[in-house]
Amino acid sequence: MKPEPIRIEPVFSERLWGSRSLAPLFPEKSNLEVPIGEAWLTGVDCLISTGPFTGNKLGEAWREMPVEWRGTELASVKDFPLLLKFIFPTDKLSIQVHPDDAYAAIHEQAAGGRGKTEMWHIVSAQPNARLLLGMKPGATKETFKRALADRTLESLLISWPVHADDTFFVPARTPHTIGADMVVFEVQEYSDLTYRVYDYGRLDAHGQPRELHIEKALEVMAFESAEGGKVDPLPLPSAEEETEHSLLAACRYFATERVRFSKKCEFAPGAGHFELLVILQGHGNLGWTGGAARYHRGECWLLPASLGQAGLHALEATTVIRTYVPDIAKLRTDLHREGIAAAVLAQVIHD
């Protein structure tokens, strides 16, 4: 089973706050009968449409992938480690928080026992779009409870203006919500654990309020520290002509980069881990030793660890998000050797 890039097909999920058009990422998803809120790009139920695992779900394929595909650092990892998705809100999401690994391992074994740290990269945003992320200084559990009772909870959270190309790091235990009128690309630990705190009094399709998880949320929420927030992209060196390469955010769960190019760009995963490429903009040809394919906006491709180089040849100016599970110490050391100061790295690499 010779390693080759494989394309993963998205799964679309209906949400109360979703959109009836997912263009231009998914132009075929327009004039929808129901609002779609999320497109899961690497859900375990996503189908693989190219290569030797064609027709298999990603979760099934992962169990069959040898180390040459997974990478040496992920050879013994039981479950697929990264969940990538697009989010299409036309209304506010609930105010919510995610547990960390330690809490989930004790209290959420039935749900996988894994916490949820994530990051958001803004694909597009309308004027005045905003999100809430993190609590203002001085907020306590008591003030949080009062604000929840008074329906003034938004006033305790930090409000961030949102523009295309912004990136936000969202560690577990940090309360947050995404606002309306934006498209978000999300990278996260593979977990669907969400503790909903406040949902603006909305009713579901059956006329019932959605479930809240206030007690658990208060147990995990980090009142004592302010973490997360907007992250400025860190420019990375590139030997290729007309290529802009940036590290958006990194932690022990994921490292995410943005690459923009108008001619050609090569990607080489390395023996330690596979890589995921998501096409935000553009189309062209994807080539590797022994094969070729076309790439298009909205697609997600998995590059096996031992693939060697894969080249993207742009027929239109292209923006790619590259993400993988890093050796975070090695990543920091390698970038420091490139001449990037430790203080600069600390702003984008999160321990």
Protein backbone atom coordinates (compact mmCIF):
# COMPACT_ATOMS: atom_id res chain seq x y z
CA MET A 1 0.00 0.00 0.00
CA LYS A 2 2.13 2.80 -1.33
CA PRO A 3 1.56 6.11 0.50
CA GLU A 4 -0.26 8.76 -1.52
CA PRO A 5 -2.37 11.84 -0.74
CA ILE A 6 -6.00 11.01 -0.03
CA ARG A 7 -8.99 13.35 -0.13
CA ILE A 8 -11.49 13.31 2.73
CA GLU A 9 -15.10 14.28 2.02
CA PRO A 10 -16.84 16.62 4.51
CA VAL A 11 -19.91 15.84 6.60
CA PHE A 12 -22.36 18.73 6.95
CA SER A 13 -24.33 19.29 10.16
CA GLU A 14 -27.55 21.22 10.63
CA ARG A 15 -27.50 23.90 13.33
CA LEU A 16 -30.07 26.46 14.53
CA TRP A 17 -27.57 29.26 13.99
CA GLY A 18 -26.25 27.99 10.65
CA SER A 19 -26.36 29.32 7.10
CA ARG A 20 -28.41 28.39 4.04
CA SER A 21 -25.47 29.06 1.72
CA LEU A 22 -21.92 27.76 2.16
CA ALA A 23 -20.55 29.41 -0.99
CA PRO A 24 -17.86 30.08 -2.05
CA LEU A 25 -16.20 27.25 -0.10
CA PHE A 26 -18.94 24.83 -1.14
CA PRO A 27 -20.80 26.47 -4.05
CA GLU A 28 -23.05 23.45 -4.49
CA LYS A 29 -24.40 24.11 -0.96
CA SER A 30 -26.57 27.14 -1.79
CA ASN A 31 -30.29 27.83 -1.25
CA LEU A 32 -30.39 25.10 1.38
CA GLU A 33 -33.66 23.96 2.90
CA VAL A 34 -32.14 23.76 6.39
CA PRO A 35 -29.35 25.87 7.92
CA ILE A 36 -25.95 24.18 7.97
CA GLY A 37 -23.69 25.25 10.82
CA GLU A 38 -20.63 23.03 10.46
CA ALA A 39 -18.71 21.09 7.85
CA TRP A 40 -16.59 18.45 9.56
CA LEU A 41 -13.54 17.82 7.39
CA THR A 42 -11.93 15.04 9.44
CA GLY A 43 -14.80 13.49 11.33
CA VAL A 44 -14.44 9.76 11.83
CA ASP A 45 -17.55 9.30 9.67
CA CYS A 46 -16.13 11.31 6.76
CA LEU A 47 -15.63 9.18 3.66
CA ILE A 48 -12.32 8.90 1.83
CA SER A 49 -12.78 9.44 -1.90
CA THR A 50 -9.33 8.73 -3.38
CA GLY A 51 -6.47 6.28 -2.90
CA PRO A 52 -6.32 2.83 -1.33
CA PHE A 53 -8.87 3.65 1.40
CA THR A 54 -11.53 4.87 -1.04
CA GLY A 55 -15.03 4.23 0.31
CA ASN A 56 -13.88 3.79 3.91
CA LYS A 57 -14.74 6.14 6.73
CA LEU A 58 -11.78 8.02 8.16
CA GLY A 59 -12.07 6.31 11.54
CA GLU A 60 -12.01 2.89 9.89
CA ALA A 61 -9.09 3.83 7.66
CA TRP A 62 -7.09 5.17 10.62
CA ARG A 63 -7.26 1.79 12.33
CA GLU A 64 -5.80 0.18 9.20
CA MET A 65 -3.11 2.77 8.45
CA PRO A 66 0.45 1.49 8.96
CA VAL A 67 3.17 3.59 10.53
CA GLU A 68 4.28 4.76 7.07
CA TRP A 69 0.98 6.61 6.82
CA ARG A 70 0.46 7.70 10.43
CA GLY A 71 4.05 8.61 11.27
CA THR A 72 6.35 7.20 13.93
CA GLU A 73 5.11 9.59 16.62
CA LEU A 74 1.50 8.53 16.08
CA ALA A 75 1.99 4.81 15.51
CA SER A 76 0.28 3.80 18.77
CA VAL A 77 -2.42 6.51 18.85
CA LYS A 78 -5.77 4.72 19.00
CA ASP A 79 -8.09 7.40 17.63
CA PHE A 80 -7.66 9.95 14.87
CA PRO A 81 -6.15 12.93 16.71
CA LEU A 82 -7.35 16.06 14.87
CA LEU A 83 -10.78 17.45 14.10
CA LEU A 84 -10.92 20.13 11.41
CA LYS A 85 -14.11 21.94 10.53
CA PHE A 86 -15.65 25.01 8.92
CA ILE A 87 -18.25 26.92 10.95
CA PHE A 88 -20.94 29.07 9.26
CA PRO A 89 -22.79 31.14 11.90
CA THR A 90 -25.58 33.58 11.06
CA ASP A 91 -26.39 33.98 14.76
CA LYS A 92 -24.43 33.74 17.99
CA LEU A 93 -23.38 30.31 19.17
CA SER A 94 -24.06 29.47 22.80
CA ILE A 95 -21.65 30.74 25.44
CA GLN A 96 -19.72 27.58 26.28
CA VAL A 97 -16.53 26.09 27.67
CA HIS A 98 -14.62 22.85 27.06
CA PRO A 99 -12.93 20.66 29.68
CA ASP A 100 -9.22 19.88 29.63
CA ASP A 101 -7.79 16.38 29.31
CA ALA A 102 -7.41 15.88 33.07
CA TYR A 103 -11.08 16.58 33.80
CA ALA A 104 -12.35 14.66 30.77
CA ALA A 105 -10.27 11.60 31.66
CA ILE A 106 -12.05 11.37 35.03
CA HIS A 107 -15.57 12.60 34.25
CA GLU A 108 -16.12 11.99 30.53
CA GLN A 109 -14.85 8.50 29.80
CA ALA A 110 -18.08 7.63 28.01
CA ALA A 111 -17.50 10.56 25.65
CA GLY A 112 -13.90 9.59 24.87
CA GLY A 113 -12.12 11.04 27.90
CA ARG A 114 -10.38 13.72 25.89
CA GLY A 115 -10.55 17.49 26.47
CA LYS A 116 -10.79 20.15 23.83
CA THR A 117 -8.25 22.83 23.03
CA GLU A 118 -8.87 24.57 19.73
CA MET A 119 -7.98 27.47 17.47
CA TRP A 120 -9.99 29.56 15.02
CA HIS A 121 -8.79 31.09 11.77
CA ILE A 122 -11.23 33.57 10.25
CA VAL A 123 -11.88 32.81 6.59
CA SER A 124 -14.21 35.77 6.06
CA ALA A 125 -16.15 38.25 8.17
CA GLN A 126 -18.75 40.93 7.64
CA PRO A 127 -18.19 44.44 9.06
CA ASN A 128 -18.75 44.63 12.82
CA ALA A 129 -18.45 40.86 13.31
CA ARG A 130 -17.30 39.97 16.82
CA LEU A 131 -16.64 37.02 19.09
CA LEU A 132 -16.30 36.56 22.85
CA LEU A 133 -13.23 34.82 24.22
CA GLY A 134 -11.93 34.78 27.78
CA MET A 135 -13.12 36.51 30.92
CA LYS A 136 -12.34 40.08 31.84
CA PRO A 137 -9.90 40.61 34.75
CA GLY A 138 -11.55 40.29 38.14
CA ALA A 139 -14.30 37.89 37.09
CA THR A 140 -15.01 35.23 39.72
CA LYS A 141 -17.31 32.25 40.03
CA GLU A 142 -19.68 34.39 42.10
CA THR A 143 -19.84 37.26 39.60
CA PHE A 144 -20.25 34.70 36.83
CA LYS A 145 -23.25 33.12 38.56
CA ARG A 146 -24.85 36.53 39.13
CA ALA A 147 -24.33 37.55 35.52
CA LEU A 148 -25.83 34.26 34.38
CA ALA A 149 -28.90 34.84 36.54
CA ASP A 150 -29.21 38.45 35.34
CA ARG A 151 -28.67 37.45 31.68
CA THR A 152 -25.69 39.82 31.48
CA LEU A 153 -23.07 37.12 30.96
CA GLU A 154 -21.72 38.69 27.78
CA SER A 155 -20.54 41.68 29.82
CA LEU A 156 -18.03 39.47 31.69
CA LEU A 157 -16.35 38.16 28.54
CA ILE A 158 -13.77 39.91 26.37
CA SER A 159 -15.25 41.05 23.06
CA TRP A 160 -12.96 40.82 20.03
CA PRO A 161 -13.54 42.46 16.65
CA VAL A 162 -13.14 39.91 13.86
CA HIS A 163 -11.61 40.34 10.42
CA ALA A 164 -10.60 37.94 7.67
CA ASP A 165 -7.21 36.28 8.40
CA ASP A 166 -7.44 36.79 12.18
CA THR A 167 -6.42 33.82 14.33
CA PHE A 168 -7.55 33.07 17.89
CA PHE A 169 -6.18 30.42 20.27
CA VAL A 170 -8.83 28.87 22.54
CA PRO A 171 -7.40 26.69 25.31
CA ALA A 172 -9.60 24.32 27.25
CA ARG A 173 -11.33 25.86 30.29
CA THR A 174 -11.74 29.26 28.55
CA PRO A 175 -15.35 30.48 28.03
CA HIS A 176 -16.19 31.68 24.54
CA THR A 177 -18.70 32.09 21.77
CA ILE A 178 -18.51 32.85 18.06
CA GLY A 179 -20.74 35.63 16.75
CA ALA A 180 -22.71 35.94 13.54
CA ASP A 181 -21.65 36.86 10.01
CA MET A 182 -18.31 35.13 9.69
CA VAL A 183 -16.84 31.88 8.39
CA VAL A 184 -14.42 30.15 10.75
CA PHE A 185 -11.89 27.41 10.15
CA GLU A 186 -11.33 25.45 13.35
CA VAL A 187 -8.56 23.06 14.38
CA GLN A 188 -8.99 21.12 17.62
CA GLU A 189 -8.26 18.04 19.62
CA TYR A 190 -10.59 15.33 18.41
CA SER A 191 -13.32 15.82 20.99
CA ASP A 192 -16.94 16.93 20.87
CA LEU A 193 -17.21 17.79 24.57
CA THR A 194 -18.96 21.13 24.99
CA TYR A 195 -20.47 22.50 28.20
CA ARG A 196 -23.18 24.96 27.16
CA VAL A 197 -23.63 27.75 29.69
CA TYR A 198 -26.05 30.21 28.07
CA ASP A 199 -28.07 29.90 24.86
CA TYR A 200 -29.96 33.20 24.66
CA GLY A 201 -33.30 31.48 25.34
CA ARG A 202 -33.39 29.72 21.98
CA LEU A 203 -35.57 26.71 21.25
CA ASP A 204 -34.62 23.70 19.15
CA ALA A 205 -36.60 22.31 16.21
CA HIS A 206 -38.98 20.62 18.68
CA GLY A 207 -39.68 23.84 20.56
CA GLN A 208 -37.53 22.86 23.53
CA PRO A 209 -34.61 24.74 25.10
CA ARG A 210 -31.26 23.15 24.36
CA GLU A 211 -29.55 21.40 27.28
CA LEU A 212 -27.26 23.48 29.49
CA HIS A 213 -24.30 22.11 31.47
CA ILE A 214 -23.77 24.85 34.06
CA GLU A 215 -22.44 22.75 36.95
CA LYS A 216 -19.77 21.08 34.84
CA ALA A 217 -18.88 24.38 33.19
CA LEU A 218 -18.30 26.04 36.56
CA GLU A 219 -16.12 23.12 37.64
CA VAL A 220 -13.75 23.45 34.68
CA MET A 221 -13.74 27.19 33.99
CA ALA A 222 -10.40 28.92 34.54
CA PHE A 223 -11.30 31.93 36.70
CA GLU A 224 -7.77 32.29 38.07
CA SER A 225 -6.00 32.92 34.77
CA ALA A 226 -6.60 34.65 31.46
CA GLU A 227 -5.51 32.46 28.58
CA GLY A 228 -6.22 32.48 24.91
CA GLY A 229 -6.96 35.33 22.58
CA LYS A 230 -5.86 36.75 19.28
CA VAL A 231 -2.53 35.49 17.90
CA ASP A 232 -0.47 37.35 15.31
CA PRO A 233 0.87 35.10 12.54
CA LEU A 234 4.57 34.33 12.73
CA PRO A 235 6.27 34.66 9.31
CA LEU A 236 8.32 31.60 8.40
CA PRO A 237 11.20 31.40 5.91
CA SER A 238 10.32 30.08 2.45
CA ALA A 239 12.68 29.20 -0.38
CA GLU A 240 9.92 29.21 -2.97
CA GLU A 241 9.15 32.17 -5.17
CA GLU A 242 6.06 34.26 -4.41
CA THR A 243 5.20 32.21 -1.33
CA GLU A 244 4.02 33.60 2.01
CA HIS A 245 4.36 31.11 4.87
CA SER A 246 3.16 31.76 8.44
CA LEU A 247 2.72 29.80 11.66
CA LEU A 248 -0.73 30.66 13.01
CA ALA A 249 -0.75 28.78 16.31
CA ALA A 250 0.85 25.74 17.90
CA CYS A 251 0.46 23.65 21.03
CA ARG A 252 1.06 20.02 21.92
CA TYR A 253 -2.15 19.01 20.15
CA PHE A 254 -1.67 20.76 16.80
CA ALA A 255 0.50 23.12 14.80
CA THR A 256 -1.26 25.12 12.10
CA GLU A 257 0.32 27.10 9.28
CA ARG A 258 -1.02 29.23 6.43
CA VAL A 259 0.69 29.11 3.05
CA ARG A 260 -0.14 31.46 0.18
CA PHE A 261 1.36 31.06 -3.28
CA SER A 262 0.62 31.83 -6.90
CA LYS A 263 2.95 29.37 -8.65
CA LYS A 264 4.10 26.25 -6.82
CA CYS A 265 4.54 25.05 -3.25
CA GLU A 266 5.93 21.77 -1.96
CA PHE A 267 4.97 19.95 1.22
CA ALA A 268 6.97 17.16 2.85
CA PRO A 269 5.41 15.71 6.02
CA GLY A 270 8.45 13.84 7.41
CA ALA A 271 8.58 10.49 9.17
CA GLY A 272 7.08 11.64 12.47
CA HIS A 273 3.52 12.57 11.47
CA PHE A 274 1.00 12.86 8.67
CA GLU A 275 -0.21 16.28 7.54
CA LEU A 276 -3.59 17.71 6.61
CA LEU A 277 -3.95 20.32 3.87
CA VAL A 278 -7.16 22.36 3.60
CA ILE A 279 -7.66 24.56 0.55
CA LEU A 280 -9.13 27.92 1.55
CA GLN A 281 -8.76 29.52 -1.85
CA GLY A 282 -7.67 28.61 -5.37
CA HIS A 283 -7.37 25.49 -7.48
CA GLY A 284 -4.65 23.66 -9.35
CA ASN A 285 -2.76 20.40 -9.63
CA LEU A 286 -1.45 18.21 -6.80
CA GLY A 287 1.45 15.99 -7.80
CA TRP A 288 3.58 13.36 -6.06
CA THR A 289 5.89 10.55 -7.11
CA GLY A 290 3.72 8.18 -9.10
CA GLY A 291 0.51 10.19 -9.16
CA ALA A 292 -1.39 13.42 -9.66
CA ALA A 293 -4.82 14.93 -8.91
CA ARG A 294 -6.65 18.25 -9.03
CA TYR A 295 -7.24 20.31 -5.89
CA HIS A 296 -10.10 22.75 -5.29
CA ARG A 297 -11.33 25.20 -2.68
CA GLY A 298 -12.92 23.58 0.38
CA GLU A 299 -11.10 20.26 0.05
CA CYS A 300 -9.15 18.45 2.77
CA TRP A 301 -6.20 16.21 1.84
CA LEU A 302 -4.22 13.87 4.08
CA LEU A 303 -0.53 13.52 3.24
CA PRO A 304 0.98 10.30 4.66
CA ALA A 305 4.11 10.65 6.77
CA SER A 306 6.41 8.78 4.38
CA LEU A 307 5.02 10.33 1.20
CA GLY A 308 8.05 12.45 0.48
CA GLN A 309 7.30 15.66 -1.34
CA ALA A 310 3.93 16.64 -2.73
CA GLY A 311 3.76 19.67 -4.97
CA LEU A 312 0.80 21.99 -5.42
CA HIS A 313 0.90 23.80 -8.78
CA ALA A 314 -1.48 26.73 -8.70
CA LEU A 315 -3.78 27.52 -11.61
CA GLU A 316 -5.22 30.26 -9.41
CA ALA A 317 -3.67 32.07 -6.44
CA THR A 318 -3.97 29.56 -3.60
CA THR A 319 -4.23 29.68 0.19
CA VAL A 320 -3.65 26.43 2.08
CA ILE A 321 -3.93 25.63 5.77
CA ARG A 322 -1.42 22.99 6.81
CA THR A 323 -1.87 21.31 10.18
CA TYR A 324 -0.36 18.34 12.01
CA VAL A 325 0.39 16.93 15.46
CA PRO A 326 3.81 18.36 16.36
CA ASP A 327 6.70 17.48 18.56
CA ILE A 328 6.33 20.86 20.24
CA ALA A 329 9.83 20.95 21.75
CA LYS A 330 11.38 20.13 18.38
CA LEU A 331 9.25 22.74 16.64
CA ARG A 332 10.36 25.41 19.07
CA THR A 333 14.03 24.37 18.74
CA ASP A 334 13.91 24.29 14.94
CA LEU A 335 12.35 27.75 14.70
CA HIS A 336 14.81 29.14 17.23
CA ARG A 337 17.63 27.83 15.04
CA GLU A 338 16.08 29.78 12.16
CA GLY A 339 16.79 32.92 14.18
CA ILE A 340 13.37 33.49 15.73
CA ALA A 341 13.68 34.80 19.28
CA ALA A 342 12.24 32.79 22.17
CA ALA A 343 10.02 35.72 23.20
CA VAL A 344 8.49 35.82 19.71
CA LEU A 345 7.93 32.06 19.67
CA ALA A 346 6.17 32.27 23.05
CA GLN A 347 3.46 34.42 21.47
CA VAL A 348 2.42 31.73 18.98
CA ILE A 349 3.54 28.44 20.59
CA HIS A 350 1.42 27.64 23.63
CA ASP A 351 2.58 25.20 26.32
